[in-house]
Amino acid sequence: MMYNIMNSKGLPRDIKNFKTANKYFVVPLFRLNILQLFGAGFIFVLVRTIGRKSLKRRYTPLEYRKFGNKYYLFASRGKKADWFRNLKAQPEEFRIKHHFFWKEPNFREVESTEEKTNLFKDYCSRYKMASKSFFGYDSKVDSIEDGDFEELSKFIRVIEFTFE
């Protein structure tokens, strides 16, 4: 049975600890190109947005996945993800540090339930360990056909981007 992320209660303390670790450890190492030297640049990007209220630069390390010639970011907290809300408020300021370079991507929000469902199914079939921690899909127990990906796609936000 897939974990129901929509009904889970994330502890505010856990989210605060995660943000603190990102702010004081992950983001500085990413900005100094240290994490990329250890291979983190192959599954993570550093996203720069402008705060919707503070108007300050905000940096968020995010896992990305490539399907075909397009890249995808998943907002697992849905509309509550700060980076996602900042992106929606000021899309012209969106930048991505991919490997060692800052880039200005072409992007769009994937809104189609069918398209997101197909992405989630592909994600689960290709990245079994990541899909277990991301939204509770266990390939040993769950079947891709039985997964409630349509319900999940209503909650999770997906950003598709390219560097063309």
N, C-alpha and C. Protein backbone atom coordinates (compact mmCIF):
# COMPACT_ATOMS: atom_id res chain seq x y z
N MET A 1 0.85 -1.19 0.00
CA MET A 1 0.00 0.00 0.00
C MET A 1 0.88 1.24 0.00
N MET A 2 0.64 2.12 -0.91
CA MET A 2 1.44 3.35 -1.00
C MET A 2 1.14 4.26 0.17
N TYR A 3 2.17 4.91 0.63
CA TYR A 3 2.07 5.91 1.69
C TYR A 3 1.26 7.08 1.17
N ASN A 4 0.33 7.55 1.95
CA ASN A 4 -0.52 8.66 1.51
C ASN A 4 0.07 9.98 1.98
N ILE A 5 0.83 10.60 1.09
CA ILE A 5 1.52 11.86 1.44
C ILE A 5 0.54 12.99 1.69
N MET A 6 -0.64 12.94 1.07
CA MET A 6 -1.60 14.02 1.22
C MET A 6 -2.13 14.11 2.65
N ASN A 7 -2.21 12.97 3.35
CA ASN A 7 -2.78 12.96 4.69
C ASN A 7 -1.71 12.87 5.77
N SER A 8 -0.44 12.85 5.37
CA SER A 8 0.61 12.74 6.37
C SER A 8 0.77 14.06 7.10
N LYS A 9 1.15 13.95 8.34
CA LYS A 9 1.36 15.16 9.14
C LYS A 9 2.85 15.33 9.34
N GLY A 10 3.45 16.22 8.55
CA GLY A 10 4.87 16.51 8.71
C GLY A 10 5.08 17.30 9.97
N LEU A 11 6.01 16.90 10.77
CA LEU A 11 6.27 17.61 12.01
C LEU A 11 6.96 18.92 11.69
N PRO A 12 6.46 20.03 12.22
CA PRO A 12 7.11 21.32 11.97
C PRO A 12 8.57 21.33 12.37
N ARG A 13 8.91 20.59 13.44
CA ARG A 13 10.29 20.52 13.89
C ARG A 13 11.17 19.86 12.82
N ASP A 14 10.66 18.80 12.17
CA ASP A 14 11.41 18.12 11.12
C ASP A 14 11.67 19.05 9.94
N ILE A 15 10.66 19.81 9.56
CA ILE A 15 10.80 20.74 8.45
C ILE A 15 11.80 21.84 8.82
N LYS A 16 11.73 22.32 10.05
CA LYS A 16 12.66 23.35 10.50
C LYS A 16 14.10 22.82 10.50
N ASN A 17 14.31 21.59 10.97
CA ASN A 17 15.64 20.99 10.97
C ASN A 17 16.16 20.81 9.54
N PHE A 18 15.29 20.41 8.64
CA PHE A 18 15.66 20.23 7.24
C PHE A 18 16.09 21.55 6.62
N LYS A 19 15.33 22.62 6.88
CA LYS A 19 15.67 23.94 6.36
C LYS A 19 16.97 24.45 6.95
N THR A 20 17.19 24.20 8.23
CA THR A 20 18.43 24.63 8.88
C THR A 20 19.64 23.91 8.27
N ALA A 21 19.52 22.61 8.06
CA ALA A 21 20.61 21.84 7.45
C ALA A 21 20.90 22.35 6.04
N ASN A 22 19.85 22.64 5.29
CA ASN A 22 20.05 23.18 3.94
C ASN A 22 20.75 24.53 4.00
N LYS A 23 20.30 25.40 4.87
CA LYS A 23 20.82 26.77 4.93
C LYS A 23 22.29 26.82 5.33
N TYR A 24 22.66 26.04 6.32
CA TYR A 24 24.01 26.15 6.87
C TYR A 24 25.00 25.09 6.37
N PHE A 25 24.52 24.07 5.68
CA PHE A 25 25.42 23.01 5.25
C PHE A 25 25.34 22.77 3.74
N VAL A 26 24.18 22.38 3.26
CA VAL A 26 24.05 21.96 1.87
C VAL A 26 24.22 23.12 0.89
N VAL A 27 23.51 24.21 1.09
CA VAL A 27 23.57 25.34 0.15
C VAL A 27 24.98 25.94 0.06
N PRO A 28 25.66 26.21 1.19
CA PRO A 28 27.03 26.74 1.06
C PRO A 28 27.97 25.79 0.32
N LEU A 29 27.88 24.48 0.60
CA LEU A 29 28.74 23.53 -0.10
C LEU A 29 28.41 23.46 -1.58
N PHE A 30 27.14 23.60 -1.92
CA PHE A 30 26.71 23.59 -3.31
C PHE A 30 27.22 24.85 -4.02
N ARG A 31 27.08 25.99 -3.37
CA ARG A 31 27.50 27.26 -3.98
C ARG A 31 29.01 27.31 -4.18
N LEU A 32 29.77 26.63 -3.34
CA LEU A 32 31.22 26.58 -3.48
C LEU A 32 31.68 25.46 -4.42
N ASN A 33 30.76 24.77 -5.03
CA ASN A 33 31.04 23.67 -5.98
C ASN A 33 31.70 22.45 -5.33
N ILE A 34 31.56 22.32 -4.03
CA ILE A 34 32.17 21.19 -3.34
C ILE A 34 31.31 19.93 -3.50
N LEU A 35 30.00 20.06 -3.34
CA LEU A 35 29.14 18.87 -3.47
C LEU A 35 29.16 18.29 -4.88
N GLN A 36 29.30 19.15 -5.90
CA GLN A 36 29.36 18.67 -7.27
C GLN A 36 30.59 17.78 -7.49
N LEU A 37 31.68 18.09 -6.80
CA LEU A 37 32.89 17.29 -6.94
C LEU A 37 32.69 15.87 -6.42
N PHE A 38 31.75 15.70 -5.51
CA PHE A 38 31.46 14.38 -4.96
C PHE A 38 30.27 13.70 -5.64
N GLY A 39 29.82 14.26 -6.78
CA GLY A 39 28.77 13.64 -7.56
C GLY A 39 27.36 14.10 -7.27
N ALA A 40 27.17 15.03 -6.34
CA ALA A 40 25.82 15.48 -6.01
C ALA A 40 25.17 16.22 -7.18
N GLY A 41 25.97 16.77 -8.07
CA GLY A 41 25.43 17.52 -9.20
C GLY A 41 24.72 16.66 -10.22
N PHE A 42 24.84 15.34 -10.09
CA PHE A 42 24.19 14.46 -11.06
C PHE A 42 22.75 14.13 -10.69
N ILE A 43 22.35 14.41 -9.46
CA ILE A 43 20.95 14.21 -9.10
C ILE A 43 20.34 15.42 -8.41
N PHE A 44 21.18 16.40 -8.06
CA PHE A 44 20.68 17.60 -7.39
C PHE A 44 21.02 18.85 -8.18
N VAL A 45 20.15 19.83 -8.09
CA VAL A 45 20.41 21.16 -8.60
C VAL A 45 20.17 22.14 -7.46
N LEU A 46 20.73 23.31 -7.61
CA LEU A 46 20.47 24.39 -6.66
C LEU A 46 19.55 25.37 -7.37
N VAL A 47 18.40 25.58 -6.79
CA VAL A 47 17.39 26.47 -7.37
C VAL A 47 17.46 27.82 -6.67
N ARG A 48 17.50 28.88 -7.47
CA ARG A 48 17.49 30.23 -6.90
C ARG A 48 16.17 30.91 -7.26
N THR A 49 15.48 31.37 -6.26
CA THR A 49 14.25 32.12 -6.45
C THR A 49 14.37 33.42 -5.65
N ILE A 50 13.43 34.30 -5.86
CA ILE A 50 13.34 35.52 -5.08
C ILE A 50 12.15 35.35 -4.14
N GLY A 51 12.36 35.59 -2.86
CA GLY A 51 11.29 35.44 -1.88
C GLY A 51 10.08 36.29 -2.22
N ARG A 52 8.93 35.69 -2.17
CA ARG A 52 7.70 36.39 -2.57
C ARG A 52 7.34 37.51 -1.60
N LYS A 53 7.77 37.41 -0.35
CA LYS A 53 7.50 38.46 0.64
C LYS A 53 8.75 39.29 0.93
N SER A 54 9.87 38.62 1.15
CA SER A 54 11.08 39.32 1.55
C SER A 54 11.83 39.95 0.38
N LEU A 55 11.61 39.44 -0.82
CA LEU A 55 12.33 39.86 -2.02
C LEU A 55 13.83 39.58 -1.93
N LYS A 56 14.23 38.65 -1.06
CA LYS A 56 15.62 38.22 -0.94
C LYS A 56 15.84 36.99 -1.81
N ARG A 57 17.09 36.79 -2.20
CA ARG A 57 17.42 35.57 -2.95
C ARG A 57 17.31 34.37 -2.02
N ARG A 58 16.68 33.33 -2.53
CA ARG A 58 16.51 32.10 -1.76
C ARG A 58 17.11 30.95 -2.57
N TYR A 59 17.84 30.08 -1.90
CA TYR A 59 18.50 28.95 -2.54
C TYR A 59 17.96 27.66 -1.94
N THR A 60 17.59 26.74 -2.84
CA THR A 60 17.03 25.48 -2.39
C THR A 60 17.65 24.33 -3.18
N PRO A 61 18.30 23.38 -2.51
CA PRO A 61 18.80 22.20 -3.23
C PRO A 61 17.63 21.25 -3.47
N LEU A 62 17.50 20.82 -4.71
CA LEU A 62 16.40 19.92 -5.07
C LEU A 62 16.91 18.77 -5.92
N GLU A 63 16.29 17.63 -5.72
CA GLU A 63 16.57 16.49 -6.59
C GLU A 63 15.87 16.74 -7.92
N TYR A 64 16.55 16.43 -9.00
CA TYR A 64 15.91 16.53 -10.31
C TYR A 64 16.03 15.18 -11.00
N ARG A 65 15.18 14.95 -11.96
CA ARG A 65 15.23 13.72 -12.76
C ARG A 65 15.09 14.08 -14.22
N LYS A 66 15.76 13.32 -15.06
CA LYS A 66 15.71 13.54 -16.49
C LYS A 66 14.91 12.41 -17.14
N PHE A 67 13.93 12.79 -17.92
CA PHE A 67 13.14 11.85 -18.70
C PHE A 67 13.17 12.35 -20.14
N GLY A 68 13.79 11.59 -21.02
CA GLY A 68 13.95 12.06 -22.40
C GLY A 68 14.94 13.21 -22.41
N ASN A 69 14.59 14.30 -23.07
CA ASN A 69 15.47 15.47 -23.12
C ASN A 69 15.01 16.58 -22.19
N LYS A 70 14.12 16.25 -21.26
CA LYS A 70 13.58 17.23 -20.32
C LYS A 70 13.93 16.84 -18.89
N TYR A 71 14.04 17.86 -18.06
CA TYR A 71 14.32 17.67 -16.64
C TYR A 71 13.07 18.02 -15.84
N TYR A 72 12.96 17.39 -14.65
CA TYR A 72 11.78 17.61 -13.82
C TYR A 72 12.17 17.83 -12.37
N LEU A 73 11.48 18.79 -11.74
CA LEU A 73 11.57 19.03 -10.31
C LEU A 73 10.21 18.69 -9.72
N PHE A 74 10.22 18.04 -8.55
CA PHE A 74 8.98 17.64 -7.91
C PHE A 74 8.84 18.37 -6.58
N ALA A 75 7.73 19.07 -6.40
CA ALA A 75 7.44 19.75 -5.13
C ALA A 75 6.61 18.79 -4.30
N SER A 76 7.28 17.99 -3.49
CA SER A 76 6.59 16.95 -2.73
C SER A 76 5.68 17.53 -1.65
N ARG A 77 5.90 18.78 -1.27
CA ARG A 77 5.01 19.44 -0.30
C ARG A 77 3.88 20.17 -1.01
N GLY A 78 3.77 19.95 -2.31
CA GLY A 78 2.69 20.56 -3.08
C GLY A 78 2.79 22.07 -3.12
N LYS A 79 1.65 22.72 -3.01
CA LYS A 79 1.61 24.19 -3.07
C LYS A 79 2.27 24.84 -1.85
N LYS A 80 2.57 24.04 -0.82
CA LYS A 80 3.17 24.60 0.40
C LYS A 80 4.69 24.76 0.29
N ALA A 81 5.30 24.19 -0.73
CA ALA A 81 6.75 24.28 -0.89
C ALA A 81 7.13 25.74 -1.15
N ASP A 82 8.00 26.27 -0.32
CA ASP A 82 8.37 27.68 -0.44
C ASP A 82 9.00 28.00 -1.79
N TRP A 83 9.89 27.13 -2.27
CA TRP A 83 10.53 27.41 -3.55
C TRP A 83 9.50 27.47 -4.67
N PHE A 84 8.47 26.63 -4.58
CA PHE A 84 7.43 26.60 -5.60
C PHE A 84 6.58 27.89 -5.54
N ARG A 85 6.23 28.31 -4.34
CA ARG A 85 5.45 29.54 -4.19
C ARG A 85 6.25 30.76 -4.64
N ASN A 86 7.55 30.77 -4.36
CA ASN A 86 8.40 31.86 -4.82
C ASN A 86 8.51 31.87 -6.34
N LEU A 87 8.62 30.69 -6.92
CA LEU A 87 8.68 30.57 -8.38
C LEU A 87 7.41 31.11 -9.02
N LYS A 88 6.27 30.76 -8.46
CA LYS A 88 4.99 31.23 -9.01
C LYS A 88 4.85 32.74 -8.88
N ALA A 89 5.38 33.32 -7.79
CA ALA A 89 5.26 34.76 -7.55
C ALA A 89 6.19 35.57 -8.46
N GLN A 90 7.41 35.05 -8.71
CA GLN A 90 8.38 35.78 -9.52
C GLN A 90 9.08 34.82 -10.49
N PRO A 91 8.39 34.36 -11.51
CA PRO A 91 8.97 33.37 -12.43
C PRO A 91 10.16 33.89 -13.23
N GLU A 92 10.24 35.19 -13.45
CA GLU A 92 11.34 35.75 -14.24
C GLU A 92 12.68 35.69 -13.51
N GLU A 93 12.67 35.43 -12.20
CA GLU A 93 13.90 35.38 -11.41
C GLU A 93 14.40 33.96 -11.16
N PHE A 94 13.75 32.97 -11.74
CA PHE A 94 14.08 31.55 -11.53
C PHE A 94 15.39 31.19 -12.22
N ARG A 95 16.35 30.66 -11.45
CA ARG A 95 17.64 30.21 -11.98
C ARG A 95 17.96 28.85 -11.38
N ILE A 96 18.77 28.08 -12.12
CA ILE A 96 19.17 26.75 -11.67
C ILE A 96 20.67 26.60 -11.82
N LYS A 97 21.32 26.13 -10.76
CA LYS A 97 22.74 25.79 -10.85
C LYS A 97 22.81 24.30 -11.16
N HIS A 98 23.14 24.00 -12.39
CA HIS A 98 23.22 22.62 -12.87
C HIS A 98 24.70 22.29 -13.06
N HIS A 99 25.17 21.29 -12.36
CA HIS A 99 26.59 20.96 -12.28
C HIS A 99 27.33 22.17 -11.71
N PHE A 100 28.13 22.87 -12.48
CA PHE A 100 28.92 23.98 -11.93
C PHE A 100 28.43 25.35 -12.39
N PHE A 101 27.38 25.41 -13.19
CA PHE A 101 27.01 26.67 -13.83
C PHE A 101 25.56 27.08 -13.53
N TRP A 102 25.38 28.40 -13.34
CA TRP A 102 24.03 28.95 -13.21
C TRP A 102 23.43 29.09 -14.59
N LYS A 103 22.18 28.65 -14.73
CA LYS A 103 21.51 28.70 -16.03
C LYS A 103 20.12 29.27 -15.85
N GLU A 104 19.63 29.86 -16.92
CA GLU A 104 18.27 30.38 -16.94
C GLU A 104 17.42 29.40 -17.76
N PRO A 105 16.64 28.57 -17.10
CA PRO A 105 15.92 27.51 -17.82
C PRO A 105 14.61 28.01 -18.44
N ASN A 106 14.19 27.27 -19.46
CA ASN A 106 12.82 27.39 -19.95
C ASN A 106 12.03 26.40 -19.12
N PHE A 107 10.90 26.81 -18.58
CA PHE A 107 10.18 25.91 -17.69
C PHE A 107 8.68 26.12 -17.81
N ARG A 108 7.97 25.12 -17.32
CA ARG A 108 6.51 25.19 -17.23
C ARG A 108 6.08 24.26 -16.10
N GLU A 109 4.93 24.57 -15.53
CA GLU A 109 4.35 23.65 -14.55
C GLU A 109 3.56 22.60 -15.30
N VAL A 110 3.80 21.35 -14.96
CA VAL A 110 3.04 20.25 -15.55
C VAL A 110 1.72 20.19 -14.80
N GLU A 111 0.63 20.45 -15.50
CA GLU A 111 -0.67 20.51 -14.84
C GLU A 111 -1.57 19.33 -15.16
N SER A 112 -1.32 18.64 -16.24
CA SER A 112 -2.15 17.52 -16.65
C SER A 112 -1.99 16.34 -15.70
N THR A 113 -3.11 15.87 -15.16
CA THR A 113 -3.09 14.71 -14.26
C THR A 113 -2.52 13.49 -14.98
N GLU A 114 -2.89 13.32 -16.23
CA GLU A 114 -2.41 12.17 -17.00
C GLU A 114 -0.89 12.23 -17.20
N GLU A 115 -0.38 13.41 -17.52
CA GLU A 115 1.06 13.56 -17.73
C GLU A 115 1.83 13.33 -16.43
N LYS A 116 1.31 13.86 -15.32
CA LYS A 116 1.97 13.65 -14.03
C LYS A 116 1.91 12.18 -13.62
N THR A 117 0.77 11.53 -13.85
CA THR A 117 0.63 10.11 -13.53
C THR A 117 1.66 9.29 -14.28
N ASN A 118 1.84 9.58 -15.57
CA ASN A 118 2.84 8.86 -16.36
C ASN A 118 4.26 9.12 -15.85
N LEU A 119 4.54 10.36 -15.44
CA LEU A 119 5.85 10.67 -14.86
C LEU A 119 6.09 9.89 -13.57
N PHE A 120 5.08 9.84 -12.70
CA PHE A 120 5.23 9.11 -11.44
C PHE A 120 5.45 7.62 -11.68
N LYS A 121 4.73 7.06 -12.62
CA LYS A 121 4.91 5.64 -12.94
C LYS A 121 6.31 5.38 -13.48
N ASP A 122 6.78 6.25 -14.37
CA ASP A 122 8.12 6.12 -14.91
C ASP A 122 9.16 6.28 -13.80
N TYR A 123 8.93 7.25 -12.92
CA TYR A 123 9.82 7.49 -11.78
C TYR A 123 9.92 6.23 -10.93
N CYS A 124 8.78 5.63 -10.61
CA CYS A 124 8.77 4.44 -9.75
C CYS A 124 9.46 3.25 -10.41
N SER A 125 9.32 3.11 -11.71
CA SER A 125 9.95 1.98 -12.38
C SER A 125 11.46 2.17 -12.52
N ARG A 126 11.94 3.40 -12.64
CA ARG A 126 13.36 3.67 -12.83
C ARG A 126 14.12 3.92 -11.53
N TYR A 127 13.48 4.51 -10.55
CA TYR A 127 14.16 4.92 -9.31
C TYR A 127 13.44 4.32 -8.10
N LYS A 128 13.62 3.04 -7.90
CA LYS A 128 12.87 2.31 -6.88
C LYS A 128 13.17 2.80 -5.46
N MET A 129 14.43 3.02 -5.14
CA MET A 129 14.78 3.48 -3.79
C MET A 129 14.28 4.90 -3.54
N ALA A 130 14.47 5.77 -4.52
CA ALA A 130 14.04 7.16 -4.36
C ALA A 130 12.52 7.26 -4.27
N SER A 131 11.81 6.44 -5.04
CA SER A 131 10.35 6.51 -5.01
C SER A 131 9.79 6.03 -3.68
N LYS A 132 10.53 5.14 -3.01
CA LYS A 132 10.08 4.68 -1.69
C LYS A 132 10.15 5.82 -0.68
N SER A 133 11.24 6.57 -0.69
CA SER A 133 11.35 7.67 0.27
C SER A 133 10.55 8.89 -0.17
N PHE A 134 10.37 9.05 -1.49
CA PHE A 134 9.68 10.24 -2.00
C PHE A 134 8.18 10.21 -1.71
N PHE A 135 7.51 9.11 -2.07
CA PHE A 135 6.09 9.03 -1.76
C PHE A 135 5.62 7.64 -1.37
N GLY A 136 6.52 6.83 -0.82
CA GLY A 136 6.12 5.58 -0.19
C GLY A 136 5.84 4.42 -1.11
N TYR A 137 6.28 4.50 -2.36
CA TYR A 137 6.06 3.39 -3.28
C TYR A 137 7.13 2.34 -3.03
N ASP A 138 6.71 1.12 -2.70
CA ASP A 138 7.64 0.01 -2.46
C ASP A 138 7.45 -1.01 -3.56
N SER A 139 8.44 -1.16 -4.43
CA SER A 139 8.32 -2.05 -5.59
C SER A 139 8.16 -3.51 -5.18
N LYS A 140 8.55 -3.86 -3.96
CA LYS A 140 8.40 -5.24 -3.50
C LYS A 140 6.97 -5.55 -3.09
N VAL A 141 6.22 -4.53 -2.74
CA VAL A 141 4.86 -4.71 -2.23
C VAL A 141 3.82 -4.14 -3.19
N ASP A 142 4.09 -2.96 -3.73
CA ASP A 142 3.12 -2.24 -4.55
C ASP A 142 3.30 -2.57 -6.03
N SER A 143 2.22 -2.44 -6.76
CA SER A 143 2.23 -2.59 -8.21
C SER A 143 2.03 -1.22 -8.82
N ILE A 144 2.75 -0.94 -9.89
CA ILE A 144 2.62 0.37 -10.54
C ILE A 144 1.19 0.58 -11.02
N GLU A 145 0.56 -0.46 -11.49
CA GLU A 145 -0.82 -0.34 -11.98
C GLU A 145 -1.80 -0.04 -10.85
N ASP A 146 -1.51 -0.54 -9.66
CA ASP A 146 -2.41 -0.34 -8.53
C ASP A 146 -2.16 0.96 -7.77
N GLY A 147 -1.05 1.60 -8.07
CA GLY A 147 -0.71 2.83 -7.36
C GLY A 147 -1.74 3.92 -7.59
N ASP A 148 -1.97 4.71 -6.57
CA ASP A 148 -2.95 5.79 -6.68
C ASP A 148 -2.24 7.06 -7.14
N PHE A 149 -1.68 7.00 -8.34
CA PHE A 149 -0.90 8.11 -8.86
C PHE A 149 -1.77 9.29 -9.27
N GLU A 150 -3.01 9.02 -9.63
CA GLU A 150 -3.90 10.13 -10.01
C GLU A 150 -4.19 11.02 -8.81
N GLU A 151 -4.42 10.41 -7.67
CA GLU A 151 -4.67 11.19 -6.45
C GLU A 151 -3.40 11.93 -6.04
N LEU A 152 -2.27 11.27 -6.16
CA LEU A 152 -0.99 11.88 -5.83
C LEU A 152 -0.71 13.08 -6.75
N SER A 153 -1.07 12.97 -8.01
CA SER A 153 -0.79 14.05 -8.97
C SER A 153 -1.61 15.31 -8.69
N LYS A 154 -2.67 15.18 -7.93
CA LYS A 154 -3.45 16.36 -7.55
C LYS A 154 -2.71 17.18 -6.49
N PHE A 155 -1.86 16.52 -5.72
CA PHE A 155 -1.15 17.16 -4.63
C PHE A 155 0.24 17.65 -5.03
N ILE A 156 1.05 16.76 -5.60
CA ILE A 156 2.44 17.09 -5.93
C ILE A 156 2.49 18.00 -7.15
N ARG A 157 3.32 19.02 -7.09
CA ARG A 157 3.53 19.94 -8.20
C ARG A 157 4.81 19.52 -8.93
N VAL A 158 4.77 19.62 -10.25
CA VAL A 158 5.90 19.22 -11.07
C VAL A 158 6.28 20.37 -11.99
N ILE A 159 7.58 20.67 -12.04
CA ILE A 159 8.10 21.68 -12.94
C ILE A 159 8.98 20.98 -13.98
N GLU A 160 8.66 21.19 -15.23
CA GLU A 160 9.46 20.66 -16.34
C GLU A 160 10.37 21.79 -16.82
N PHE A 161 11.65 21.49 -17.04
CA PHE A 161 12.54 22.53 -17.54
C PHE A 161 13.57 21.98 -18.50
N THR A 162 14.06 22.86 -19.35
CA THR A 162 15.13 22.57 -20.29
C THR A 162 16.10 23.75 -20.29
N PHE A 163 17.27 23.52 -20.87
CA PHE A 163 18.27 24.59 -20.93
C PHE A 163 18.53 25.04 -22.37
N GLU A 164 17.54 25.03 -23.19
CA GLU A 164 17.73 25.41 -24.61
C GLU A 164 17.70 26.88 -24.80
